[in-house]
Amino acid sequence: FSYPGLFAITVSRIAHQLWEAGVPLIPRIMTEYAHSITGIDIHPGAH
């Protein structure tokens, strides 16, 4: 319900899957949204 770290990791794992599939724009929109909410900046390309 409440841990920002888990939310950021969840979004990162979703975005990474799309990043690996070669989807443009959307993965960065996702992770930057999580960044704006949590203060945690994870690039979708990170493994």
All heavy atoms as atom14 arrays in JSON, in Angstrom:
{
  "sequence": "FSYPGLFAITVSRIAHQLWEAGVPLIPRIMTEYAHSITGIDIHPGAH",
  "atom14_mask": [
    [1, 1, 1, 1, 1, 1, 1, 1, 1, 1, 1, 0, 0, 0],
    [1, 1, 1, 1, 1, 1, 0, 0, 0, 0, 0, 0, 0, 0],
    [1, 1, 1, 1, 1, 1, 1, 1, 1, 1, 1, 1, 0, 0],
    [1, 1, 1, 1, 1, 1, 1, 0, 0, 0, 0, 0, 0, 0],
    [1, 1, 1, 1, 0, 0, 0, 0, 0, 0, 0, 0, 0, 0],
    [1, 1, 1, 1, 1, 1, 1, 1, 0, 0, 0, 0, 0, 0],
    [1, 1, 1, 1, 1, 1, 1, 1, 1, 1, 1, 0, 0, 0],
    [1, 1, 1, 1, 1, 0, 0, 0, 0, 0, 0, 0, 0, 0],
    [1, 1, 1, 1, 1, 1, 1, 1, 0, 0, 0, 0, 0, 0],
    [1, 1, 1, 1, 1, 1, 1, 0, 0, 0, 0, 0, 0, 0],
    [1, 1, 1, 1, 1, 1, 1, 0, 0, 0, 0, 0, 0, 0],
    [1, 1, 1, 1, 1, 1, 0, 0, 0, 0, 0, 0, 0, 0],
    [1, 1, 1, 1, 1, 1, 1, 1, 1, 1, 1, 0, 0, 0],
    [1, 1, 1, 1, 1, 1, 1, 1, 0, 0, 0, 0, 0, 0],
    [1, 1, 1, 1, 1, 0, 0, 0, 0, 0, 0, 0, 0, 0],
    [1, 1, 1, 1, 1, 1, 1, 1, 1, 1, 0, 0, 0, 0],
    [1, 1, 1, 1, 1, 1, 1, 1, 1, 0, 0, 0, 0, 0],
    [1, 1, 1, 1, 1, 1, 1, 1, 0, 0, 0, 0, 0, 0],
    [1, 1, 1, 1, 1, 1, 1, 1, 1, 1, 1, 1, 1, 1],
    [1, 1, 1, 1, 1, 1, 1, 1, 1, 0, 0, 0, 0, 0],
    [1, 1, 1, 1, 1, 0, 0, 0, 0, 0, 0, 0, 0, 0],
    [1, 1, 1, 1, 0, 0, 0, 0, 0, 0, 0, 0, 0, 0],
    [1, 1, 1, 1, 1, 1, 1, 0, 0, 0, 0, 0, 0, 0],
    [1, 1, 1, 1, 1, 1, 1, 0, 0, 0, 0, 0, 0, 0],
    [1, 1, 1, 1, 1, 1, 1, 1, 0, 0, 0, 0, 0, 0],
    [1, 1, 1, 1, 1, 1, 1, 1, 0, 0, 0, 0, 0, 0],
    [1, 1, 1, 1, 1, 1, 1, 0, 0, 0, 0, 0, 0, 0],
    [1, 1, 1, 1, 1, 1, 1, 1, 1, 1, 1, 0, 0, 0],
    [1, 1, 1, 1, 1, 1, 1, 1, 0, 0, 0, 0, 0, 0],
    [1, 1, 1, 1, 1, 1, 1, 1, 0, 0, 0, 0, 0, 0],
    [1, 1, 1, 1, 1, 1, 1, 0, 0, 0, 0, 0, 0, 0],
    [1, 1, 1, 1, 1, 1, 1, 1, 1, 0, 0, 0, 0, 0],
    [1, 1, 1, 1, 1, 1, 1, 1, 1, 1, 1, 1, 0, 0],
    [1, 1, 1, 1, 1, 0, 0, 0, 0, 0, 0, 0, 0, 0],
    [1, 1, 1, 1, 1, 1, 1, 1, 1, 1, 0, 0, 0, 0],
    [1, 1, 1, 1, 1, 1, 0, 0, 0, 0, 0, 0, 0, 0],
    [1, 1, 1, 1, 1, 1, 1, 1, 0, 0, 0, 0, 0, 0],
    [1, 1, 1, 1, 1, 1, 1, 0, 0, 0, 0, 0, 0, 0],
    [1, 1, 1, 1, 0, 0, 0, 0, 0, 0, 0, 0, 0, 0],
    [1, 1, 1, 1, 1, 1, 1, 1, 0, 0, 0, 0, 0, 0],
    [1, 1, 1, 1, 1, 1, 1, 1, 0, 0, 0, 0, 0, 0],
    [1, 1, 1, 1, 1, 1, 1, 1, 0, 0, 0, 0, 0, 0],
    [1, 1, 1, 1, 1, 1, 1, 1, 1, 1, 0, 0, 0, 0],
    [1, 1, 1, 1, 1, 1, 1, 0, 0, 0, 0, 0, 0, 0],
    [1, 1, 1, 1, 0, 0, 0, 0, 0, 0, 0, 0, 0, 0],
    [1, 1, 1, 1, 1, 0, 0, 0, 0, 0, 0, 0, 0, 0],
    [1, 1, 1, 1, 1, 1, 1, 1, 1, 1, 0, 0, 0, 0]
  ],
  "atom14_positions": [
    [[0.81, -1.22, 0.0], [0.0, 0.0, 0.0], [0.84, 1.27, 0.0], [0.5, 2.25, -0.66], [-0.92, 0.03, 1.22], [-2.23, -0.66, 1.03], [-2.66, -1.6, 1.95], [-3.05, -0.36, -0.05], [-3.89, -2.24, 1.79], [-4.26, -0.99, -0.22], [-4.68, -1.94, 0.7], [0.0, 0.0, 0.0], [0.0, 0.0, 0.0], [0.0, 0.0, 0.0]],
    [[1.96, 1.27, 0.72], [2.55, 2.57, 1.07], [4.03, 2.76, 0.78], [4.5, 3.9, 0.85], [2.32, 2.82, 2.57], [2.94, 1.8, 3.35], [0.0, 0.0, 0.0], [0.0, 0.0, 0.0], [0.0, 0.0, 0.0], [0.0, 0.0, 0.0], [0.0, 0.0, 0.0], [0.0, 0.0, 0.0], [0.0, 0.0, 0.0], [0.0, 0.0, 0.0]],
    [[4.79, 1.74, 0.42], [6.23, 1.93, 0.26], [6.56, 2.51, -1.12], [6.28, 1.87, -2.15], [6.97, 0.6, 0.45], [7.32, 0.32, 1.89], [6.43, 0.63, 2.93], [8.52, -0.28, 2.24], [6.75, 0.36, 4.25], [8.85, -0.56, 3.55], [7.96, -0.23, 4.56], [8.27, -0.5, 5.86], [0.0, 0.0, 0.0], [0.0, 0.0, 0.0]],
    [[7.16, 3.69, -1.17], [7.49, 4.28, -2.47], [8.5, 3.45, -3.25], [8.47, 3.41, -4.48], [8.07, 5.66, -2.11], [8.51, 5.54, -0.69], [7.57, 4.57, -0.05], [0.0, 0.0, 0.0], [0.0, 0.0, 0.0], [0.0, 0.0, 0.0], [0.0, 0.0, 0.0], [0.0, 0.0, 0.0], [0.0, 0.0, 0.0], [0.0, 0.0, 0.0]],
    [[9.42, 2.79, -2.52], [10.4, 1.95, -3.2], [9.74, 0.84, -3.99], [10.15, 0.56, -5.13], [0.0, 0.0, 0.0], [0.0, 0.0, 0.0], [0.0, 0.0, 0.0], [0.0, 0.0, 0.0], [0.0, 0.0, 0.0], [0.0, 0.0, 0.0], [0.0, 0.0, 0.0], [0.0, 0.0, 0.0], [0.0, 0.0, 0.0], [0.0, 0.0, 0.0]],
    [[8.73, 0.21, -3.43], [8.06, -0.87, -4.14], [7.32, -0.34, -5.37], [7.34, -0.96, -6.43], [7.08, -1.61, -3.23], [6.37, -2.78, -3.92], [7.35, -3.88, -4.3], [5.25, -3.34, -3.05], [0.0, 0.0, 0.0], [0.0, 0.0, 0.0], [0.0, 0.0, 0.0], [0.0, 0.0, 0.0], [0.0, 0.0, 0.0], [0.0, 0.0, 0.0]],
    [[6.68, 0.82, -5.23], [5.98, 1.4, -6.38], [6.98, 1.69, -7.51], [6.74, 1.37, -8.67], [5.24, 2.68, -5.99], [4.51, 3.32, -7.14], [3.36, 2.74, -7.64], [4.98, 4.48, -7.72], [2.67, 3.32, -8.71], [4.32, 5.07, -8.78], [3.15, 4.49, -9.28], [0.0, 0.0, 0.0], [0.0, 0.0, 0.0], [0.0, 0.0, 0.0]],
    [[8.12, 2.3, -7.16], [9.13, 2.61, -8.17], [9.67, 1.34, -8.83], [9.87, 1.3, -10.06], [10.27, 3.41, -7.55], [0.0, 0.0, 0.0], [0.0, 0.0, 0.0], [0.0, 0.0, 0.0], [0.0, 0.0, 0.0], [0.0, 0.0, 0.0], [0.0, 0.0, 0.0], [0.0, 0.0, 0.0], [0.0, 0.0, 0.0], [0.0, 0.0, 0.0]],
    [[9.9, 0.3, -8.05], [10.4, -0.96, -8.6], [9.35, -1.6, -9.49], [9.66, -2.12, -10.57], [10.8, -1.92, -7.46], [12.01, -1.36, -6.71], [11.12, -3.3, -8.01], [12.27, -2.05, -5.38], [0.0, 0.0, 0.0], [0.0, 0.0, 0.0], [0.0, 0.0, 0.0], [0.0, 0.0, 0.0], [0.0, 0.0, 0.0], [0.0, 0.0, 0.0]],
    [[8.09, -1.55, -9.08], [7.01, -2.12, -9.88], [6.95, -1.46, -11.24], [6.91, -2.13, -12.29], [5.66, -1.97, -9.16], [5.71, -2.65, -7.9], [4.53, -2.54, -9.99], [0.0, 0.0, 0.0], [0.0, 0.0, 0.0], [0.0, 0.0, 0.0], [0.0, 0.0, 0.0], [0.0, 0.0, 0.0], [0.0, 0.0, 0.0], [0.0, 0.0, 0.0]],
    [[6.94, -0.14, -11.24], [6.88, 0.6, -12.52], [8.13, 0.31, -13.34], [8.06, 0.14, -14.57], [6.71, 2.1, -12.27], [6.78, 2.88, -13.58], [5.39, 2.39, -11.57], [0.0, 0.0, 0.0], [0.0, 0.0, 0.0], [0.0, 0.0, 0.0], [0.0, 0.0, 0.0], [0.0, 0.0, 0.0], [0.0, 0.0, 0.0], [0.0, 0.0, 0.0]],
    [[9.29, 0.24, -12.68], [10.53, -0.04, -13.39], [10.48, -1.4, -14.09], [10.92, -1.54, -15.24], [11.71, -0.01, -12.41], [12.89, -0.48, -13.03], [0.0, 0.0, 0.0], [0.0, 0.0, 0.0], [0.0, 0.0, 0.0], [0.0, 0.0, 0.0], [0.0, 0.0, 0.0], [0.0, 0.0, 0.0], [0.0, 0.0, 0.0], [0.0, 0.0, 0.0]],
    [[9.95, -2.4, -13.41], [9.9, -3.74, -14.01], [8.93, -3.76, -15.2], [9.18, -4.42, -16.21], [9.51, -4.77, -12.96], [10.58, -4.97, -11.87], [10.39, -6.27, -11.13], [11.29, -6.42, -10.0], [12.57, -6.78, -10.07], [13.12, -7.0, -11.25], [13.3, -6.91, -8.97], [0.0, 0.0, 0.0], [0.0, 0.0, 0.0], [0.0, 0.0, 0.0]],
    [[7.82, -3.05, -15.07], [6.87, -2.93, -16.19], [7.56, -2.24, -17.37], [7.52, -2.72, -18.51], [5.63, -2.14, -15.76], [4.82, -2.93, -14.73], [4.77, -1.78, -16.96], [3.75, -2.1, -14.02], [0.0, 0.0, 0.0], [0.0, 0.0, 0.0], [0.0, 0.0, 0.0], [0.0, 0.0, 0.0], [0.0, 0.0, 0.0], [0.0, 0.0, 0.0]],
    [[8.17, -1.09, -17.09], [8.78, -0.29, -18.15], [9.95, -1.02, -18.8], [10.16, -0.93, -20.02], [9.24, 1.05, -17.58], [0.0, 0.0, 0.0], [0.0, 0.0, 0.0], [0.0, 0.0, 0.0], [0.0, 0.0, 0.0], [0.0, 0.0, 0.0], [0.0, 0.0, 0.0], [0.0, 0.0, 0.0], [0.0, 0.0, 0.0], [0.0, 0.0, 0.0]],
    [[10.72, -1.76, -17.99], [11.86, -2.49, -18.54], [11.42, -3.53, -19.55], [12.07, -3.73, -20.6], [12.66, -3.15, -17.41], [13.85, -3.92, -17.9], [14.99, -3.3, -18.37], [14.08, -5.26, -18.01], [15.88, -4.22, -18.74], [15.34, -5.41, -18.53], [0.0, 0.0, 0.0], [0.0, 0.0, 0.0], [0.0, 0.0, 0.0], [0.0, 0.0, 0.0]],
    [[10.3, -4.19, -19.26], [9.78, -5.19, -20.18], [9.44, -4.56, -21.53], [9.74, -5.12, -22.6], [8.53, -5.85, -19.57], [8.09, -7.12, -20.23], [9.03, -8.27, -19.94], [9.64, -8.33, -18.88], [9.17, -9.17, -20.89], [0.0, 0.0, 0.0], [0.0, 0.0, 0.0], [0.0, 0.0, 0.0], [0.0, 0.0, 0.0], [0.0, 0.0, 0.0]],
    [[8.83, -3.38, -21.5], [8.49, -2.67, -22.73], [9.74, -2.13, -23.42], [9.83, -2.11, -24.65], [7.51, -1.54, -22.43], [6.15, -1.99, -21.9], [5.33, -0.79, -21.42], [5.37, -2.77, -22.96], [0.0, 0.0, 0.0], [0.0, 0.0, 0.0], [0.0, 0.0, 0.0], [0.0, 0.0, 0.0], [0.0, 0.0, 0.0], [0.0, 0.0, 0.0]],
    [[10.71, -1.68, -22.62], [11.99, -1.19, -23.16], [12.69, -2.3, -23.94], [13.18, -2.09, -25.05], [12.85, -0.7, -22.01], [14.22, -0.22, -22.38], [15.36, -0.97, -22.47], [14.6, 1.13, -22.7], [16.43, -0.18, -22.82], [15.99, 1.12, -22.97], [13.9, 2.33, -22.77], [16.69, 2.27, -23.31], [14.61, 3.48, -23.11], [15.98, 3.44, -23.37]],
    [[12.73, -3.49, -23.35], [13.38, -4.62, -24.0], [12.67, -5.01, -25.29], [13.28, -5.54, -26.22], [13.42, -5.82, -23.06], [14.37, -5.65, -21.88], [15.83, -5.76, -22.29], [16.29, -6.88, -22.56], [16.5, -4.71, -22.37], [0.0, 0.0, 0.0], [0.0, 0.0, 0.0], [0.0, 0.0, 0.0], [0.0, 0.0, 0.0], [0.0, 0.0, 0.0]],
    [[11.36, -4.73, -25.36], [10.58, -5.03, -26.57], [10.74, -3.96, -27.64], [10.15, -4.07, -28.71], [9.11, -5.19, -26.21], [0.0, 0.0, 0.0], [0.0, 0.0, 0.0], [0.0, 0.0, 0.0], [0.0, 0.0, 0.0], [0.0, 0.0, 0.0], [0.0, 0.0, 0.0], [0.0, 0.0, 0.0], [0.0, 0.0, 0.0], [0.0, 0.0, 0.0]],
    [[11.51, -2.92, -27.35], [11.75, -1.89, -28.34], [10.66, -0.85, -28.46], [10.56, -0.15, -29.47], [0.0, 0.0, 0.0], [0.0, 0.0, 0.0], [0.0, 0.0, 0.0], [0.0, 0.0, 0.0], [0.0, 0.0, 0.0], [0.0, 0.0, 0.0], [0.0, 0.0, 0.0], [0.0, 0.0, 0.0], [0.0, 0.0, 0.0], [0.0, 0.0, 0.0]],
    [[9.82, -0.72, -27.43], [8.75, 0.27, -27.46], [9.32, 1.65, -27.15], [9.95, 1.83, -26.1], [7.65, -0.08, -26.44], [6.56, 1.0, -26.43], [7.05, -1.44, -26.76], [0.0, 0.0, 0.0], [0.0, 0.0, 0.0], [0.0, 0.0, 0.0], [0.0, 0.0, 0.0], [0.0, 0.0, 0.0], [0.0, 0.0, 0.0], [0.0, 0.0, 0.0]],
    [[9.15, 2.63, -28.04], [9.67, 3.98, -27.75], [8.75, 4.76, -26.82], [7.57, 4.44, -26.67], [9.72, 4.64, -29.15], [8.7, 3.91, -29.96], [8.58, 2.52, -29.39], [0.0, 0.0, 0.0], [0.0, 0.0, 0.0], [0.0, 0.0, 0.0], [0.0, 0.0, 0.0], [0.0, 0.0, 0.0], [0.0, 0.0, 0.0], [0.0, 0.0, 0.0]],
    [[9.28, 5.79, -26.2], [8.57, 6.8, -25.42], [7.88, 6.28, -24.16], [8.06, 6.8, -23.07], [7.51, 7.52, -26.28], [8.04, 8.48, -27.35], [6.89, 9.04, -28.18], [8.83, 9.62, -26.72], [0.0, 0.0, 0.0], [0.0, 0.0, 0.0], [0.0, 0.0, 0.0], [0.0, 0.0, 0.0], [0.0, 0.0, 0.0], [0.0, 0.0, 0.0]],
    [[7.08, 5.25, -24.29], [6.22, 4.81, -23.18], [7.01, 4.4, -21.94], [6.65, 4.8, -20.82], [5.26, 3.69, -23.65], [4.24, 4.27, -24.63], [4.55, 3.04, -22.47], [3.34, 3.24, -25.27], [0.0, 0.0, 0.0], [0.0, 0.0, 0.0], [0.0, 0.0, 0.0], [0.0, 0.0, 0.0], [0.0, 0.0, 0.0], [0.0, 0.0, 0.0]],
    [[8.1, 3.61, -22.06], [8.84, 3.25, -20.85], [9.36, 4.45, -20.08], [9.31, 4.48, -18.84], [9.99, 2.39, -21.39], [9.46, 1.81, -22.67], [8.61, 2.89, -23.25], [0.0, 0.0, 0.0], [0.0, 0.0, 0.0], [0.0, 0.0, 0.0], [0.0, 0.0, 0.0], [0.0, 0.0, 0.0], [0.0, 0.0, 0.0], [0.0, 0.0, 0.0]],
    [[9.84, 5.48, -20.8], [10.35, 6.67, -20.11], [9.22, 7.47, -19.47], [9.37, 8.04, -18.38], [11.14, 7.56, -21.08], [12.49, 7.02, -21.49], [13.4, 6.69, -20.32], [13.72, 7.82, -19.46], [14.74, 8.64, -19.61], [15.57, 8.48, -20.63], [14.96, 9.62, -18.76], [0.0, 0.0, 0.0], [0.0, 0.0, 0.0], [0.0, 0.0, 0.0]],
    [[8.07, 7.54, -20.13], [6.92, 8.21, -19.52], [6.58, 7.52, -18.2], [6.32, 8.17, -17.18], [5.71, 8.19, -20.47], [5.98, 9.03, -21.72], [4.45, 8.71, -19.76], [4.91, 8.92, -22.79], [0.0, 0.0, 0.0], [0.0, 0.0, 0.0], [0.0, 0.0, 0.0], [0.0, 0.0, 0.0], [0.0, 0.0, 0.0], [0.0, 0.0, 0.0]],
    [[6.61, 6.19, -18.2], [6.27, 5.42, -17.0], [7.24, 5.69, -15.86], [6.84, 6.01, -14.73], [6.25, 3.93, -17.33], [5.07, 3.5, -18.17], [5.12, 1.73, -18.51], [3.43, 1.46, -19.07], [0.0, 0.0, 0.0], [0.0, 0.0, 0.0], [0.0, 0.0, 0.0], [0.0, 0.0, 0.0], [0.0, 0.0, 0.0], [0.0, 0.0, 0.0]],
    [[8.55, 5.55, -16.14], [9.52, 5.67, -15.05], [9.64, 7.11, -14.55], [9.89, 7.34, -13.37], [10.9, 5.13, -15.45], [11.32, 5.76, -16.68], [10.85, 3.62, -15.66], [0.0, 0.0, 0.0], [0.0, 0.0, 0.0], [0.0, 0.0, 0.0], [0.0, 0.0, 0.0], [0.0, 0.0, 0.0], [0.0, 0.0, 0.0], [0.0, 0.0, 0.0]],
    [[9.46, 8.08, -15.45], [9.52, 9.47, -15.0], [8.27, 9.84, -14.18], [8.33, 10.69, -13.3], [9.7, 10.42, -16.18], [11.08, 10.34, -16.83], [12.22, 10.57, -15.84], [12.05, 11.32, -14.86], [13.3, 9.98, -16.05], [0.0, 0.0, 0.0], [0.0, 0.0, 0.0], [0.0, 0.0, 0.0], [0.0, 0.0, 0.0], [0.0, 0.0, 0.0]],
    [[7.16, 9.19, -14.46], [5.98, 9.37, -13.61], [6.27, 8.84, -12.2], [6.01, 9.52, -11.2], [4.76, 8.66, -14.2], [3.57, 8.64, -13.28], [2.87, 9.82, -12.99], [3.15, 7.47, -12.67], [1.78, 9.81, -12.13], [2.06, 7.45, -11.81], [1.38, 8.62, -11.55], [0.31, 8.61, -10.68], [0.0, 0.0, 0.0], [0.0, 0.0, 0.0]],
    [[6.83, 7.63, -12.13], [7.19, 7.07, -10.83], [8.22, 7.96, -10.12], [8.14, 8.16, -8.91], [7.74, 5.66, -11.0], [0.0, 0.0, 0.0], [0.0, 0.0, 0.0], [0.0, 0.0, 0.0], [0.0, 0.0, 0.0], [0.0, 0.0, 0.0], [0.0, 0.0, 0.0], [0.0, 0.0, 0.0], [0.0, 0.0, 0.0], [0.0, 0.0, 0.0]],
    [[9.15, 8.5, -10.88], [10.16, 9.42, -10.33], [9.48, 10.64, -9.71], [9.82, 11.07, -8.59], [11.1, 9.84, -11.46], [12.21, 10.75, -11.05], [12.95, 11.47, -11.96], [12.7, 11.09, -9.83], [13.85, 12.19, -11.33], [13.73, 11.99, -10.04], [0.0, 0.0, 0.0], [0.0, 0.0, 0.0], [0.0, 0.0, 0.0], [0.0, 0.0, 0.0]],
    [[8.5, 11.19, -10.42], [7.81, 12.39, -9.91], [7.02, 12.1, -8.64], [6.84, 12.97, -7.79], [6.89, 12.97, -10.99], [5.75, 12.14, -11.2], [0.0, 0.0, 0.0], [0.0, 0.0, 0.0], [0.0, 0.0, 0.0], [0.0, 0.0, 0.0], [0.0, 0.0, 0.0], [0.0, 0.0, 0.0], [0.0, 0.0, 0.0], [0.0, 0.0, 0.0]],
    [[6.55, 10.87, -8.5], [5.74, 10.48, -7.33], [6.63, 10.11, -6.14], [6.33, 10.45, -4.99], [4.82, 9.3, -7.69], [3.81, 9.71, -8.77], [4.09, 8.78, -6.45], [2.84, 10.78, -8.35], [0.0, 0.0, 0.0], [0.0, 0.0, 0.0], [0.0, 0.0, 0.0], [0.0, 0.0, 0.0], [0.0, 0.0, 0.0], [0.0, 0.0, 0.0]],
    [[7.74, 9.42, -6.4], [8.52, 8.82, -5.32], [9.87, 9.48, -5.06], [10.47, 9.26, -4.0], [8.8, 7.34, -5.63], [9.64, 7.26, -6.8], [7.51, 6.57, -5.88], [0.0, 0.0, 0.0], [0.0, 0.0, 0.0], [0.0, 0.0, 0.0], [0.0, 0.0, 0.0], [0.0, 0.0, 0.0], [0.0, 0.0, 0.0], [0.0, 0.0, 0.0]],
    [[10.38, 10.25, -6.02], [11.74, 10.77, -5.89], [12.8, 9.74, -6.23], [13.99, 9.98, -6.03], [0.0, 0.0, 0.0], [0.0, 0.0, 0.0], [0.0, 0.0, 0.0], [0.0, 0.0, 0.0], [0.0, 0.0, 0.0], [0.0, 0.0, 0.0], [0.0, 0.0, 0.0], [0.0, 0.0, 0.0], [0.0, 0.0, 0.0], [0.0, 0.0, 0.0]],
    [[12.4, 8.59, -6.77], [13.32, 7.52, -7.14], [13.4, 7.47, -8.66], [12.39, 7.27, -9.33], [12.84, 6.16, -6.59], [12.79, 6.22, -5.06], [13.74, 5.03, -7.07], [12.08, 5.04, -4.42], [0.0, 0.0, 0.0], [0.0, 0.0, 0.0], [0.0, 0.0, 0.0], [0.0, 0.0, 0.0], [0.0, 0.0, 0.0], [0.0, 0.0, 0.0]],
    [[14.6, 7.62, -9.21], [14.8, 7.74, -10.65], [15.47, 6.47, -11.17], [16.68, 6.3, -11.01], [15.66, 8.98, -10.94], [15.87, 9.24, -12.42], [15.37, 8.44, -13.24], [16.54, 10.23, -12.76], [0.0, 0.0, 0.0], [0.0, 0.0, 0.0], [0.0, 0.0, 0.0], [0.0, 0.0, 0.0], [0.0, 0.0, 0.0], [0.0, 0.0, 0.0]],
    [[14.69, 5.57, -11.76], [15.23, 4.33, -12.32], [15.0, 4.36, -13.83], [13.85, 4.4, -14.29], [14.55, 3.08, -11.72], [14.6, 3.11, -10.19], [15.2, 1.81, -12.26], [13.87, 1.95, -9.54], [0.0, 0.0, 0.0], [0.0, 0.0, 0.0], [0.0, 0.0, 0.0], [0.0, 0.0, 0.0], [0.0, 0.0, 0.0], [0.0, 0.0, 0.0]],
    [[16.07, 4.32, -14.59], [15.92, 4.27, -16.05], [15.36, 2.92, -16.45], [15.76, 1.88, -15.9], [17.28, 4.51, -16.72], [17.18, 4.76, -18.18], [16.92, 3.75, -19.09], [17.29, 5.91, -18.91], [16.89, 4.26, -20.31], [17.1, 5.58, -20.22], [0.0, 0.0, 0.0], [0.0, 0.0, 0.0], [0.0, 0.0, 0.0], [0.0, 0.0, 0.0]],
    [[14.43, 2.88, -17.42], [13.82, 1.58, -17.79], [14.81, 0.6, -18.42], [14.53, -0.6, -18.5], [12.73, 1.97, -18.79], [13.12, 3.32, -19.3], [13.81, 3.99, -18.15], [0.0, 0.0, 0.0], [0.0, 0.0, 0.0], [0.0, 0.0, 0.0], [0.0, 0.0, 0.0], [0.0, 0.0, 0.0], [0.0, 0.0, 0.0], [0.0, 0.0, 0.0]],
    [[15.98, 1.09, -18.85], [16.97, 0.18, -19.41], [17.75, -0.6, -18.37], [18.4, -1.59, -18.71], [0.0, 0.0, 0.0], [0.0, 0.0, 0.0], [0.0, 0.0, 0.0], [0.0, 0.0, 0.0], [0.0, 0.0, 0.0], [0.0, 0.0, 0.0], [0.0, 0.0, 0.0], [0.0, 0.0, 0.0], [0.0, 0.0, 0.0], [0.0, 0.0, 0.0]],
    [[17.69, -0.2, -17.12], [18.47, -0.87, -16.06], [17.97, -2.31, -15.86], [16.76, -2.56, -15.85], [18.35, -0.1, -14.76], [0.0, 0.0, 0.0], [0.0, 0.0, 0.0], [0.0, 0.0, 0.0], [0.0, 0.0, 0.0], [0.0, 0.0, 0.0], [0.0, 0.0, 0.0], [0.0, 0.0, 0.0], [0.0, 0.0, 0.0], [0.0, 0.0, 0.0]],
    [[18.92, -3.24, -15.71], [18.59, -4.65, -15.45], [18.65, -4.89, -13.94], [19.7, -4.67, -13.32], [19.58, -5.57, -16.17], [19.44, -5.57, -17.65], [18.8, -6.57, -18.36], [19.84, -4.67, -18.58], [18.82, -6.3, -19.64], [19.46, -5.15, -19.81], [0.0, 0.0, 0.0], [0.0, 0.0, 0.0], [0.0, 0.0, 0.0], [0.0, 0.0, 0.0]]
  ]
}
